[in-house]
Amino acid sequence: MKPNSLDDLYQSYVQDIYRYLRSLCHDHHVAEDLMQETFYRAYLYLENCREDTIKPWLFRVAYNAFVDYKRKESRSVTKEAGYFNELAHPDTTEGTLLRQERLEEMALSVDSLPEGQRHALLLYDFHGMSYKEAAEIMDVGMSQYKILLFRARQRLREAERRRSRHE
């Protein structure tokens, strides 16, 4: 690849990689750190990647950075993790609260999925990957990927039905 192609890659994929990492970790600052780590790793190994597989490769690098972060996090101890979550947001209109509540319910539903199903759903439905690209990132066969995606969607529909009945 060309020497200045990392800048072009960064400009092209920074938003996609950030949104993907944000959906995995649900923390703006961690997602930014992991995004920078992703592009740092991409810089180190960019010459080994073919141009036609850049986007799936970057998502794979991002996922590996996320897994490394989670492993490191599991070995460290944090205190008062919920402190900032309890602080009120300044614009607390009814519409904002309802929208936020709905997004939190959706995030909880997605988070409650098994890891493979959650990953399959995020790659295809939230990040616009093709089945083939997503299956390659997850390192599974196409049929296995489709099964994971189908089951994830099925579980989300069922969770929505249960929520609707209780409201």
Protein backbone atom coordinates (compact mmCIF):
# COMPACT_ATOMS: atom_id res chain seq x y z
CA MET A 1 0.00 0.00 0.00
CA LYS A 2 1.07 3.60 -0.48
CA PRO A 3 2.74 5.49 2.40
CA ASN A 4 -0.05 8.05 2.81
CA SER A 5 -2.80 5.46 2.46
CA LEU A 6 -3.19 5.17 6.25
CA ASP A 7 -4.50 8.75 6.30
CA ASP A 8 -6.97 7.85 3.56
CA LEU A 9 -8.01 4.70 5.42
CA TYR A 10 -8.43 6.65 8.62
CA GLN A 11 -10.65 9.23 6.94
CA SER A 12 -12.70 6.53 5.21
CA TYR A 13 -13.29 4.17 8.13
CA VAL A 14 -12.84 6.12 11.36
CA GLN A 15 -16.58 6.63 11.90
CA ASP A 16 -17.45 3.00 11.12
CA ILE A 17 -14.76 1.66 13.43
CA TYR A 18 -15.75 4.08 16.20
CA ARG A 19 -19.45 3.13 15.99
CA TYR A 20 -18.56 -0.56 16.00
CA LEU A 21 -16.33 -0.24 19.05
CA ARG A 22 -18.85 2.02 20.80
CA SER A 23 -21.55 -0.61 20.27
CA LEU A 24 -19.26 -3.26 21.75
CA CYS A 25 -18.11 -1.39 24.85
CA HIS A 26 -20.83 1.28 25.38
CA ASP A 27 -18.26 3.85 26.49
CA HIS A 28 -17.28 6.85 24.38
CA HIS A 29 -13.79 7.22 25.83
CA VAL A 30 -12.94 3.53 25.68
CA ALA A 31 -14.21 3.39 22.09
CA GLU A 32 -11.97 6.31 21.15
CA ASP A 33 -8.96 4.67 22.79
CA LEU A 34 -9.68 1.36 21.08
CA MET A 35 -10.16 3.13 17.75
CA GLN A 36 -6.73 4.72 18.07
CA GLU A 37 -5.26 1.35 19.03
CA THR A 38 -6.92 -0.18 15.96
CA PHE A 39 -5.34 2.33 13.60
CA TYR A 40 -1.99 2.02 15.37
CA ARG A 41 -2.07 -1.73 14.78
CA ALA A 42 -3.22 -1.12 11.21
CA TYR A 43 -0.21 1.13 10.69
CA LEU A 44 2.12 -1.64 11.87
CA TYR A 45 0.68 -4.33 9.61
CA LEU A 46 -0.88 -2.41 6.71
CA GLU A 47 1.51 -3.73 4.10
CA ASN A 48 0.33 -7.31 4.83
CA CYS A 49 -3.31 -6.57 3.90
CA ARG A 50 -4.83 -6.65 0.43
CA GLU A 51 -6.71 -3.51 -0.60
CA ASP A 52 -9.95 -5.37 -1.38
CA THR A 53 -10.19 -6.68 2.22
CA ILE A 54 -9.28 -3.51 4.13
CA LYS A 55 -12.65 -2.86 5.78
CA PRO A 56 -13.22 -6.39 7.14
CA TRP A 57 -9.56 -6.52 8.19
CA LEU A 58 -9.90 -3.23 10.11
CA PHE A 59 -13.04 -4.53 11.84
CA ARG A 60 -11.15 -7.70 12.78
CA VAL A 61 -8.27 -5.60 14.17
CA ALA A 62 -10.80 -3.50 16.10
CA TYR A 63 -12.48 -6.59 17.52
CA ASN A 64 -9.11 -8.01 18.59
CA ALA A 65 -8.24 -4.70 20.28
CA PHE A 66 -11.60 -4.87 22.09
CA VAL A 67 -10.96 -8.45 23.23
CA ASP A 68 -7.50 -7.46 24.49
CA TYR A 69 -9.05 -4.53 26.37
CA LYS A 70 -11.69 -6.79 28.00
CA ARG A 71 -9.02 -9.27 29.08
CA LYS A 72 -6.95 -6.50 30.60
CA GLU A 73 -10.03 -4.99 32.25
CA SER A 74 -10.98 -8.31 33.82
CA ARG A 75 -7.63 -8.33 35.62
CA SER A 76 -8.07 -4.84 37.07
CA VAL A 77 -10.38 -3.69 39.85
CA THR A 78 -12.50 -0.55 39.56
CA LYS A 79 -14.33 1.16 42.38
CA GLU A 80 -17.57 3.13 42.20
CA ALA A 81 -18.18 2.21 38.55
CA GLY A 82 -21.75 3.55 38.56
CA TYR A 83 -21.01 7.01 39.97
CA PHE A 84 -21.12 8.90 36.67
CA ASN A 85 -24.13 6.92 35.46
CA GLU A 86 -26.17 8.31 38.34
CA LEU A 87 -25.52 11.97 37.49
CA ALA A 88 -28.47 13.66 35.80
CA HIS A 89 -28.20 14.86 32.22
CA PRO A 90 -28.92 18.61 31.83
CA ASP A 91 -31.57 18.30 29.07
CA THR A 92 -34.11 16.05 30.72
CA THR A 93 -37.20 16.68 28.63
CA GLU A 94 -39.80 13.98 28.41
CA GLY A 95 -38.93 13.13 24.80
CA THR A 96 -35.23 12.82 25.57
CA LEU A 97 -35.94 10.57 28.53
CA LEU A 98 -38.26 8.32 26.56
CA ARG A 99 -35.80 8.06 23.68
CA GLN A 100 -32.93 7.33 26.06
CA GLU A 101 -34.99 4.72 27.89
CA ARG A 102 -35.90 3.02 24.61
CA LEU A 103 -32.24 2.99 23.49
CA GLU A 104 -31.17 1.56 26.84
CA GLU A 105 -33.77 -1.19 26.55
CA MET A 106 -32.54 -2.00 23.07
CA ALA A 107 -28.90 -2.00 24.23
CA LEU A 108 -29.79 -4.32 27.12
CA SER A 109 -31.58 -6.65 24.73
CA VAL A 110 -28.58 -6.71 22.41
CA ASP A 111 -26.20 -7.14 25.36
CA SER A 112 -28.21 -10.08 26.65
CA LEU A 113 -27.59 -12.01 23.43
CA PRO A 114 -24.86 -14.65 23.44
CA GLU A 115 -21.56 -13.19 22.26
CA GLY A 116 -21.59 -14.81 18.81
CA GLN A 117 -25.15 -13.69 18.09
CA ARG A 118 -24.45 -10.17 19.35
CA HIS A 119 -21.32 -9.89 17.24
CA ALA A 120 -23.15 -11.20 14.13
CA LEU A 121 -25.98 -8.70 14.64
CA LEU A 122 -23.68 -5.74 15.20
CA LEU A 123 -21.56 -6.44 12.12
CA TYR A 124 -24.45 -6.88 9.69
CA ASP A 125 -27.34 -4.78 10.99
CA PHE A 126 -25.47 -1.92 12.65
CA HIS A 127 -22.30 -1.68 10.58
CA GLY A 128 -23.50 -2.70 7.13
CA MET A 129 -21.07 -5.54 6.53
CA SER A 130 -21.97 -8.15 3.94
CA TYR A 131 -22.64 -11.69 5.13
CA LYS A 132 -19.32 -12.77 3.65
CA GLU A 133 -17.30 -9.99 5.29
CA ALA A 134 -18.97 -10.52 8.66
CA ALA A 135 -18.46 -14.29 8.51
CA GLU A 136 -14.78 -13.75 7.73
CA ILE A 137 -14.38 -11.32 10.64
CA MET A 138 -16.00 -13.82 12.99
CA ASP A 139 -14.02 -16.67 11.44
CA VAL A 140 -17.10 -18.85 10.88
CA GLY A 141 -18.70 -20.39 7.81
CA MET A 142 -21.42 -18.53 5.91
CA SER A 143 -24.20 -20.91 7.05
CA GLN A 144 -23.09 -20.67 10.69
CA TYR A 145 -23.06 -16.87 10.42
CA LYS A 146 -26.59 -16.79 8.98
CA ILE A 147 -27.80 -19.04 11.79
CA LEU A 148 -26.23 -16.74 14.41
CA LEU A 149 -27.83 -13.68 12.81
CA PHE A 150 -31.25 -15.34 12.52
CA ARG A 151 -31.21 -16.43 16.15
CA ALA A 152 -30.11 -13.00 17.34
CA ARG A 153 -32.97 -11.31 15.48
CA GLN A 154 -35.39 -13.93 16.74
CA ARG A 155 -34.37 -13.30 20.37
CA LEU A 156 -34.69 -9.53 19.93
CA ARG A 157 -38.21 -9.92 18.47
CA GLU A 158 -39.19 -12.13 21.40
CA ALA A 159 -37.79 -9.63 23.92
CA GLU A 160 -39.76 -6.84 22.20
CA ARG A 161 -42.96 -8.92 22.37
CA ARG A 162 -42.44 -9.52 26.12
CA ARG A 163 -41.83 -5.80 26.70
CA SER A 164 -44.95 -4.88 24.72
CA ARG A 165 -47.09 -7.24 26.80
CA HIS A 166 -45.86 -5.69 30.06
CA GLU A 167 -46.53 -2.11 28.96
